[in-house]
């Protein structure tokens, strides 16, 4: 059987901020069930790439093809602290064309938040807020999910919950692109790793059969960082 068509494809994507080159001809593809981890030093262009792929920033060169809805989880949760978890999801659902009460309830259950659904987000822990941000991004049941440092600031229990959700999404055929420094924690979820440095995606390689030490050594080799 031939491989599925990509749901997201970037071809030679470029972006500058003033005179500074942030993305330098980045190309990648995501198919259903792919989970690509982007690693690279601070300032490599990871966040900019996610924002460009999501359509939040304009690419100044190249081409982006999307075959499905895109959900994004960024550094900011984009949630309203004064609203409850349920109110937040209903509000964002209305902004994006509506989503049923059943869909909202299902997402709260999936994220382990059903018991706190009617409490204000201001009372939530960092881990709970992150899970609710993922629920917000999933309201339209997108085929593509872009995540920027989804485990930052989470304790071990919250990280395990988020990793479980990401694994379920991949198993359902959703395509994930994750920018993170936390390679060790994400090894069990992702299918490939991409090495981004100085705005260039130097390599994209499968992760199967490789341990953390091998991936770390390859990162140092590709990025030139000891």
C-alpha atoms as a PDB file:
ATOM      1  CA  UNK A   1       0.000   0.000   0.000  1.00  0.00           C
ATOM      2  CA  UNK A   2       1.451   3.411  -0.936  1.00  0.00           C
ATOM      3  CA  UNK A   3       2.092   5.847   1.920  1.00  0.00           C
ATOM      4  CA  UNK A   4      -0.684   8.290   2.792  1.00  0.00           C
ATOM      5  CA  UNK A   5      -0.542  11.752   1.308  1.00  0.00           C
ATOM      6  CA  UNK A   6       1.041  14.406   3.563  1.00  0.00           C
ATOM      7  CA  UNK A   7      -1.442  16.438   5.586  1.00  0.00           C
ATOM      8  CA  UNK A   8       1.190  19.155   6.016  1.00  0.00           C
ATOM      9  CA  UNK A   9       4.058  19.959   3.661  1.00  0.00           C
ATOM     10  CA  UNK A  10       6.515  22.836   3.789  1.00  0.00           C
ATOM     11  CA  UNK A  11       8.694  23.543   0.752  1.00  0.00           C
ATOM     12  CA  UNK A  12      11.720  25.835   1.116  1.00  0.00           C
ATOM     13  CA  UNK A  13       9.990  28.086   3.653  1.00  0.00           C
ATOM     14  CA  UNK A  14      11.821  31.291   4.545  1.00  0.00           C
ATOM     15  CA  UNK A  15      11.196  34.048   7.078  1.00  0.00           C
ATOM     16  CA  UNK A  16      13.134  37.097   8.211  1.00  0.00           C
ATOM     17  CA  UNK A  17      12.666  39.611  10.988  1.00  0.00           C
ATOM     18  CA  UNK A  18      14.284  42.745   9.664  1.00  0.00           C
ATOM     19  CA  UNK A  19      17.763  41.767   8.496  1.00  0.00           C
ATOM     20  CA  UNK A  20      17.838  38.611  10.606  1.00  0.00           C
ATOM     21  CA  UNK A  21      17.188  35.334   8.802  1.00  0.00           C
ATOM     22  CA  UNK A  22      15.063  33.114  11.051  1.00  0.00           C
ATOM     23  CA  UNK A  23      14.004  30.365   8.630  1.00  0.00           C
ATOM     24  CA  UNK A  24      16.274  29.476   5.723  1.00  0.00           C
ATOM     25  CA  UNK A  25      14.511  27.214   3.244  1.00  0.00           C
ATOM     26  CA  UNK A  26      12.884  24.734   5.636  1.00  0.00           C
ATOM     27  CA  UNK A  27      11.215  21.704   4.041  1.00  0.00           C
ATOM     28  CA  UNK A  28       9.311  18.941   5.836  1.00  0.00           C
ATOM     29  CA  UNK A  29       6.306  16.649   5.492  1.00  0.00           C
ATOM     30  CA  UNK A  30       3.840  15.206   7.999  1.00  0.00           C
ATOM     31  CA  UNK A  31       1.552  12.266   7.269  1.00  0.00           C
ATOM     32  CA  UNK A  32      -1.266  10.840   9.400  1.00  0.00           C
ATOM     33  CA  UNK A  33       0.223   9.213  12.498  1.00  0.00           C
ATOM     34  CA  UNK A  34       3.547  11.025  12.214  1.00  0.00           C
ATOM     35  CA  UNK A  35       4.941  12.698  15.313  1.00  0.00           C
ATOM     36  CA  UNK A  36       7.984  14.812  14.489  1.00  0.00           C
ATOM     37  CA  UNK A  37      10.048  16.315  17.292  1.00  0.00           C
ATOM     38  CA  UNK A  38      11.948  19.483  16.425  1.00  0.00           C
ATOM     39  CA  UNK A  39      15.088  19.968  18.503  1.00  0.00           C
ATOM     40  CA  UNK A  40      17.589  22.781  18.364  1.00  0.00           C
ATOM     41  CA  UNK A  41      19.236  25.468  20.461  1.00  0.00           C
ATOM     42  CA  UNK A  42      17.410  28.583  21.612  1.00  0.00           C
ATOM     43  CA  UNK A  43      16.976  30.921  18.672  1.00  0.00           C
ATOM     44  CA  UNK A  44      17.096  28.115  16.108  1.00  0.00           C
ATOM     45  CA  UNK A  45      13.698  29.113  14.699  1.00  0.00           C
ATOM     46  CA  UNK A  46      11.475  26.413  16.209  1.00  0.00           C
ATOM     47  CA  UNK A  47       8.713  28.712  17.471  1.00  0.00           C
ATOM     48  CA  UNK A  48       8.770  30.806  14.308  1.00  0.00           C
ATOM     49  CA  UNK A  49       8.443  27.687  12.173  1.00  0.00           C
ATOM     50  CA  UNK A  50       5.411  26.481  14.131  1.00  0.00           C
ATOM     51  CA  UNK A  51       3.750  29.875  13.869  1.00  0.00           C
ATOM     52  CA  UNK A  52       4.376  30.015  10.125  1.00  0.00           C
ATOM     53  CA  UNK A  53       3.030  26.493   9.621  1.00  0.00           C
ATOM     54  CA  UNK A  54      -0.058  27.376  11.650  1.00  0.00           C
ATOM     55  CA  UNK A  55      -0.693  30.460   9.522  1.00  0.00           C
ATOM     56  CA  UNK A  56      -0.099  32.870  12.399  1.00  0.00           C
ATOM     57  CA  UNK A  57       2.941  34.347  10.609  1.00  0.00           C
ATOM     58  CA  UNK A  58       3.365  34.799   6.880  1.00  0.00           C
ATOM     59  CA  UNK A  59       6.098  32.859   5.131  1.00  0.00           C
ATOM     60  CA  UNK A  60       8.186  35.221   2.998  1.00  0.00           C
ATOM     61  CA  UNK A  61       9.274  32.495   0.619  1.00  0.00           C
ATOM     62  CA  UNK A  62       8.474  28.914  -0.226  1.00  0.00           C
ATOM     63  CA  UNK A  63       5.151  27.120  -0.084  1.00  0.00           C
ATOM     64  CA  UNK A  64       3.004  25.504   2.636  1.00  0.00           C
ATOM     65  CA  UNK A  65       0.303  22.947   1.871  1.00  0.00           C
ATOM     66  CA  UNK A  66      -2.248  21.904   4.498  1.00  0.00           C
ATOM     67  CA  UNK A  67      -4.780  19.134   3.965  1.00  0.00           C
ATOM     68  CA  UNK A  68      -6.803  19.482   7.123  1.00  0.00           C
ATOM     69  CA  UNK A  69      -7.437  21.700  10.112  1.00  0.00           C
ATOM     70  CA  UNK A  70      -4.537  22.824  12.290  1.00  0.00           C
ATOM     71  CA  UNK A  71      -4.581  23.140  16.082  1.00  0.00           C
ATOM     72  CA  UNK A  72      -1.771  24.870  17.959  1.00  0.00           C
ATOM     73  CA  UNK A  73      -0.592  24.879  21.557  1.00  0.00           C
ATOM     74  CA  UNK A  74       1.863  27.723  22.152  1.00  0.00           C
ATOM     75  CA  UNK A  75       3.855  29.043  25.114  1.00  0.00           C
ATOM     76  CA  UNK A  76       0.810  31.086  26.116  1.00  0.00           C
ATOM     77  CA  UNK A  77      -2.230  29.011  27.012  1.00  0.00           C
ATOM     78  CA  UNK A  78      -4.557  31.532  25.300  1.00  0.00           C
ATOM     79  CA  UNK A  79      -7.088  30.822  28.054  1.00  0.00           C
ATOM     80  CA  UNK A  80      -9.083  33.251  30.184  1.00  0.00           C
ATOM     81  CA  UNK A  81      -8.303  32.875  33.889  1.00  0.00           C
ATOM     82  CA  UNK A  82     -11.625  34.395  34.994  1.00  0.00           C
ATOM     83  CA  UNK A  83     -13.638  31.773  33.089  1.00  0.00           C
ATOM     84  CA  UNK A  84     -14.126  28.149  34.033  1.00  0.00           C
ATOM     85  CA  UNK A  85     -12.628  25.356  31.966  1.00  0.00           C
ATOM     86  CA  UNK A  86     -16.010  24.615  30.393  1.00  0.00           C
ATOM     87  CA  UNK A  87     -16.681  28.306  29.677  1.00  0.00           C
ATOM     88  CA  UNK A  88     -13.277  28.660  28.003  1.00  0.00           C
ATOM     89  CA  UNK A  89     -13.930  25.767  25.646  1.00  0.00           C
ATOM     90  CA  UNK A  90     -17.440  26.942  24.804  1.00  0.00           C
ATOM     91  CA  UNK A  91     -16.148  30.462  24.144  1.00  0.00           C
ATOM     92  CA  UNK A  92     -13.413  29.296  21.768  1.00  0.00           C
ATOM     93  CA  UNK A  93     -15.827  26.877  20.116  1.00  0.00           C
ATOM     94  CA  UNK A  94     -18.166  29.758  19.267  1.00  0.00           C
ATOM     95  CA  UNK A  95     -15.251  31.798  17.898  1.00  0.00           C
ATOM     96  CA  UNK A  96     -14.391  29.030  15.456  1.00  0.00           C
ATOM     97  CA  UNK A  97     -17.813  28.131  14.153  1.00  0.00           C
ATOM     98  CA  UNK A  98     -19.297  26.206  17.023  1.00  0.00           C
ATOM     99  CA  UNK A  99     -18.758  22.901  18.741  1.00  0.00           C
ATOM    100  CA  UNK A 100     -21.347  20.831  20.571  1.00  0.00           C
ATOM    101  CA  UNK A 101     -21.687  20.661  24.324  1.00  0.00           C
ATOM    102  CA  UNK A 102     -21.012  16.955  23.935  1.00  0.00           C
ATOM    103  CA  UNK A 103     -17.674  17.682  22.226  1.00  0.00           C
ATOM    104  CA  UNK A 104     -16.671  20.047  25.033  1.00  0.00           C
ATOM    105  CA  UNK A 105     -17.649  17.500  27.690  1.00  0.00           C
ATOM    106  CA  UNK A 106     -15.768  14.754  25.833  1.00  0.00           C
ATOM    107  CA  UNK A 107     -12.564  16.815  25.677  1.00  0.00           C
ATOM    108  CA  UNK A 108     -12.759  17.682  29.363  1.00  0.00           C
ATOM    109  CA  UNK A 109     -13.142  13.989  30.140  1.00  0.00           C
ATOM    110  CA  UNK A 110     -10.268  13.029  27.810  1.00  0.00           C
ATOM    111  CA  UNK A 111      -7.968  15.540  29.491  1.00  0.00           C
ATOM    112  CA  UNK A 112      -8.887  14.411  32.995  1.00  0.00           C
ATOM    113  CA  UNK A 113     -10.574  17.724  33.770  1.00  0.00           C
ATOM    114  CA  UNK A 114     -14.239  16.709  33.994  1.00  0.00           C
ATOM    115  CA  UNK A 115     -14.207  16.975  37.781  1.00  0.00           C
ATOM    116  CA  UNK A 116     -12.867  20.549  37.628  1.00  0.00           C
ATOM    117  CA  UNK A 117     -14.812  21.684  34.556  1.00  0.00           C
ATOM    118  CA  UNK A 118     -16.767  24.386  36.367  1.00  0.00           C
ATOM    119  CA  UNK A 119     -13.871  25.889  38.296  1.00  0.00           C
ATOM    120  CA  UNK A 120     -12.021  28.986  37.178  1.00  0.00           C
ATOM    121  CA  UNK A 121      -8.784  28.499  35.304  1.00  0.00           C
ATOM    122  CA  UNK A 122      -7.087  30.864  37.775  1.00  0.00           C
ATOM    123  CA  UNK A 123      -7.268  28.020  40.319  1.00  0.00           C
ATOM    124  CA  UNK A 124      -5.607  25.469  38.028  1.00  0.00           C
ATOM    125  CA  UNK A 125      -2.096  24.102  38.283  1.00  0.00           C
ATOM    126  CA  UNK A 126       0.334  24.517  35.365  1.00  0.00           C
ATOM    127  CA  UNK A 127      -0.332  20.952  34.297  1.00  0.00           C
ATOM    128  CA  UNK A 128      -4.104  21.381  34.310  1.00  0.00           C
ATOM    129  CA  UNK A 129      -3.821  24.607  32.350  1.00  0.00           C
ATOM    130  CA  UNK A 130      -1.653  22.874  29.755  1.00  0.00           C
ATOM    131  CA  UNK A 131      -4.146  20.039  29.356  1.00  0.00           C
ATOM    132  CA  UNK A 132      -6.959  22.546  28.928  1.00  0.00           C
ATOM    133  CA  UNK A 133      -4.896  24.402  26.301  1.00  0.00           C
ATOM    134  CA  UNK A 134      -4.554  21.131  24.388  1.00  0.00           C
ATOM    135  CA  UNK A 135      -8.324  20.603  24.679  1.00  0.00           C
ATOM    136  CA  UNK A 136      -8.848  24.093  23.225  1.00  0.00           C
ATOM    137  CA  UNK A 137      -6.589  23.239  20.294  1.00  0.00           C
ATOM    138  CA  UNK A 138      -8.551  20.016  19.682  1.00  0.00           C
ATOM    139  CA  UNK A 139     -12.025  21.581  19.547  1.00  0.00           C
ATOM    140  CA  UNK A 140     -12.277  21.222  15.763  1.00  0.00           C
ATOM    141  CA  UNK A 141     -10.731  17.713  15.889  1.00  0.00           C
ATOM    142  CA  UNK A 142      -7.816  18.916  13.713  1.00  0.00           C
ATOM    143  CA  UNK A 143      -5.785  16.552  11.571  1.00  0.00           C
ATOM    144  CA  UNK A 144      -2.596  18.468  12.449  1.00  0.00           C
ATOM    145  CA  UNK A 145      -1.475  19.533  15.916  1.00  0.00           C
ATOM    146  CA  UNK A 146       1.478  21.870  16.471  1.00  0.00           C
ATOM    147  CA  UNK A 147       2.890  22.047  20.005  1.00  0.00           C
ATOM    148  CA  UNK A 148       5.523  24.453  21.314  1.00  0.00           C
ATOM    149  CA  UNK A 149       7.254  23.110  24.451  1.00  0.00           C
ATOM    150  CA  UNK A 150       4.161  21.231  25.695  1.00  0.00           C
ATOM    151  CA  UNK A 151       5.912  19.801  28.788  1.00  0.00           C
ATOM    152  CA  UNK A 152       7.573  22.974  30.084  1.00  0.00           C
ATOM    153  CA  UNK A 153       6.843  23.598  33.757  1.00  0.00           C
ATOM    154  CA  UNK A 154       4.978  20.319  34.286  1.00  0.00           C
ATOM    155  CA  UNK A 155       5.626  17.926  37.151  1.00  0.00           C
ATOM    156  CA  UNK A 156       6.105  14.227  36.462  1.00  0.00           C
ATOM    157  CA  UNK A 157       2.429  13.318  36.871  1.00  0.00           C
ATOM    158  CA  UNK A 158       1.227  16.109  34.591  1.00  0.00           C
ATOM    159  CA  UNK A 159       3.879  15.258  31.998  1.00  0.00           C
ATOM    160  CA  UNK A 160       2.703  11.647  31.955  1.00  0.00           C
ATOM    161  CA  UNK A 161      -0.899  12.769  31.426  1.00  0.00           C
ATOM    162  CA  UNK A 162       0.046  15.045  28.520  1.00  0.00           C
ATOM    163  CA  UNK A 163       2.265  12.368  26.965  1.00  0.00           C
ATOM    164  CA  UNK A 164      -0.616   9.911  27.203  1.00  0.00           C
ATOM    165  CA  UNK A 165      -2.907  12.314  25.352  1.00  0.00           C
ATOM    166  CA  UNK A 166      -0.311  12.875  22.615  1.00  0.00           C
ATOM    167  CA  UNK A 167       0.161   9.131  22.212  1.00  0.00           C
ATOM    168  CA  UNK A 168      -3.606   8.657  21.844  1.00  0.00           C
ATOM    169  CA  UNK A 169      -3.782  11.375  19.198  1.00  0.00           C
ATOM    170  CA  UNK A 170      -0.972   9.811  17.175  1.00  0.00           C
ATOM    171  CA  UNK A 171      -2.636   6.404  17.426  1.00  0.00           C
ATOM    172  CA  UNK A 172      -5.809   7.972  15.996  1.00  0.00           C
ATOM    173  CA  UNK A 173      -3.864   9.127  12.955  1.00  0.00           C
ATOM    174  CA  UNK A 174      -3.347  12.745  13.886  1.00  0.00           C
ATOM    175  CA  UNK A 175      -0.083  14.338  12.735  1.00  0.00           C
ATOM    176  CA  UNK A 176       1.970  15.993  15.472  1.00  0.00           C
ATOM    177  CA  UNK A 177       4.808  18.492  15.204  1.00  0.00           C
ATOM    178  CA  UNK A 178       6.408  19.178  18.575  1.00  0.00           C
ATOM    179  CA  UNK A 179       9.127  21.729  19.321  1.00  0.00           C
ATOM    180  CA  UNK A 180      10.830  20.900  22.590  1.00  0.00           C
ATOM    181  CA  UNK A 181      14.106  20.627  24.455  1.00  0.00           C
ATOM    182  CA  UNK A 182      12.765  17.634  26.402  1.00  0.00           C
ATOM    183  CA  UNK A 183      13.923  14.839  24.152  1.00  0.00           C
ATOM    184  CA  UNK A 184      14.116  12.184  26.866  1.00  0.00           C
ATOM    185  CA  UNK A 185      10.492  12.613  27.918  1.00  0.00           C
ATOM    186  CA  UNK A 186       9.154  12.591  24.339  1.00  0.00           C
ATOM    187  CA  UNK A 187      11.158   9.622  23.018  1.00  0.00           C
ATOM    188  CA  UNK A 188       8.248   7.260  23.580  1.00  0.00           C
ATOM    189  CA  UNK A 189       5.741   9.410  21.684  1.00  0.00           C
ATOM    190  CA  UNK A 190       7.514  10.719  18.590  1.00  0.00           C
ATOM    191  CA  UNK A 191       8.307   8.816  15.397  1.00  0.00           C
ATOM    192  CA  UNK A 192      11.072  11.057  14.057  1.00  0.00           C
ATOM    193  CA  UNK A 193      13.372  13.864  15.119  1.00  0.00           C
ATOM    194  CA  UNK A 194      14.330  16.944  13.146  1.00  0.00           C
ATOM    195  CA  UNK A 195      17.476  18.939  13.902  1.00  0.00           C
ATOM    196  CA  UNK A 196      16.933  22.685  13.446  1.00  0.00           C
ATOM    197  CA  UNK A 197      19.762  25.171  13.839  1.00  0.00           C
ATOM    198  CA  UNK A 198      20.282  28.714  12.547  1.00  0.00           C
ATOM    199  CA  UNK A 199      16.978  28.499  10.729  1.00  0.00           C
ATOM    200  CA  UNK A 200      17.959  25.387   8.780  1.00  0.00           C
ATOM    201  CA  UNK A 201      16.418  21.943   9.175  1.00  0.00           C
ATOM    202  CA  UNK A 202      19.647  19.973   8.826  1.00  0.00           C
ATOM    203  CA  UNK A 203      18.130  16.478   8.978  1.00  0.00           C
ATOM    204  CA  UNK A 204      14.907  14.590   9.736  1.00  0.00           C
ATOM    205  CA  UNK A 205      15.508  11.024  10.903  1.00  0.00           C
ATOM    206  CA  UNK A 206      13.367   8.171  12.280  1.00  0.00           C
ATOM    207  CA  UNK A 207      13.675   7.508  15.969  1.00  0.00           C
ATOM    208  CA  UNK A 208      12.849   3.778  15.940  1.00  0.00           C
ATOM    209  CA  UNK A 209      15.634   1.567  17.268  1.00  0.00           C
ATOM    210  CA  UNK A 210      17.694   4.468  18.624  1.00  0.00           C
ATOM    211  CA  UNK A 211      18.214   5.307  22.258  1.00  0.00           C
ATOM    212  CA  UNK A 212      18.588   8.696  23.892  1.00  0.00           C
ATOM    213  CA  UNK A 213      22.374   8.584  23.764  1.00  0.00           C
ATOM    214  CA  UNK A 214      22.400   7.959  20.009  1.00  0.00           C
ATOM    215  CA  UNK A 215      19.947  10.779  19.326  1.00  0.00           C
ATOM    216  CA  UNK A 216      21.890  13.164  21.574  1.00  0.00           C
ATOM    217  CA  UNK A 217      25.147  12.311  19.810  1.00  0.00           C
ATOM    218  CA  UNK A 218      23.496  12.857  16.443  1.00  0.00           C
ATOM    219  CA  UNK A 219      22.163  16.234  17.624  1.00  0.00           C
ATOM    220  CA  UNK A 220      25.674  17.318  18.538  1.00  0.00           C
ATOM    221  CA  UNK A 221      27.020  16.105  15.218  1.00  0.00           C
ATOM    222  CA  UNK A 222      24.373  17.815  13.085  1.00  0.00           C
ATOM    223  CA  UNK A 223      24.190  21.113  14.992  1.00  0.00           C
ATOM    224  CA  UNK A 224      27.882  21.327  15.868  1.00  0.00           C
ATOM    225  CA  UNK A 225      27.105  21.792  19.550  1.00  0.00           C
ATOM    226  CA  UNK A 226      29.223  19.909  22.036  1.00  0.00           C
END
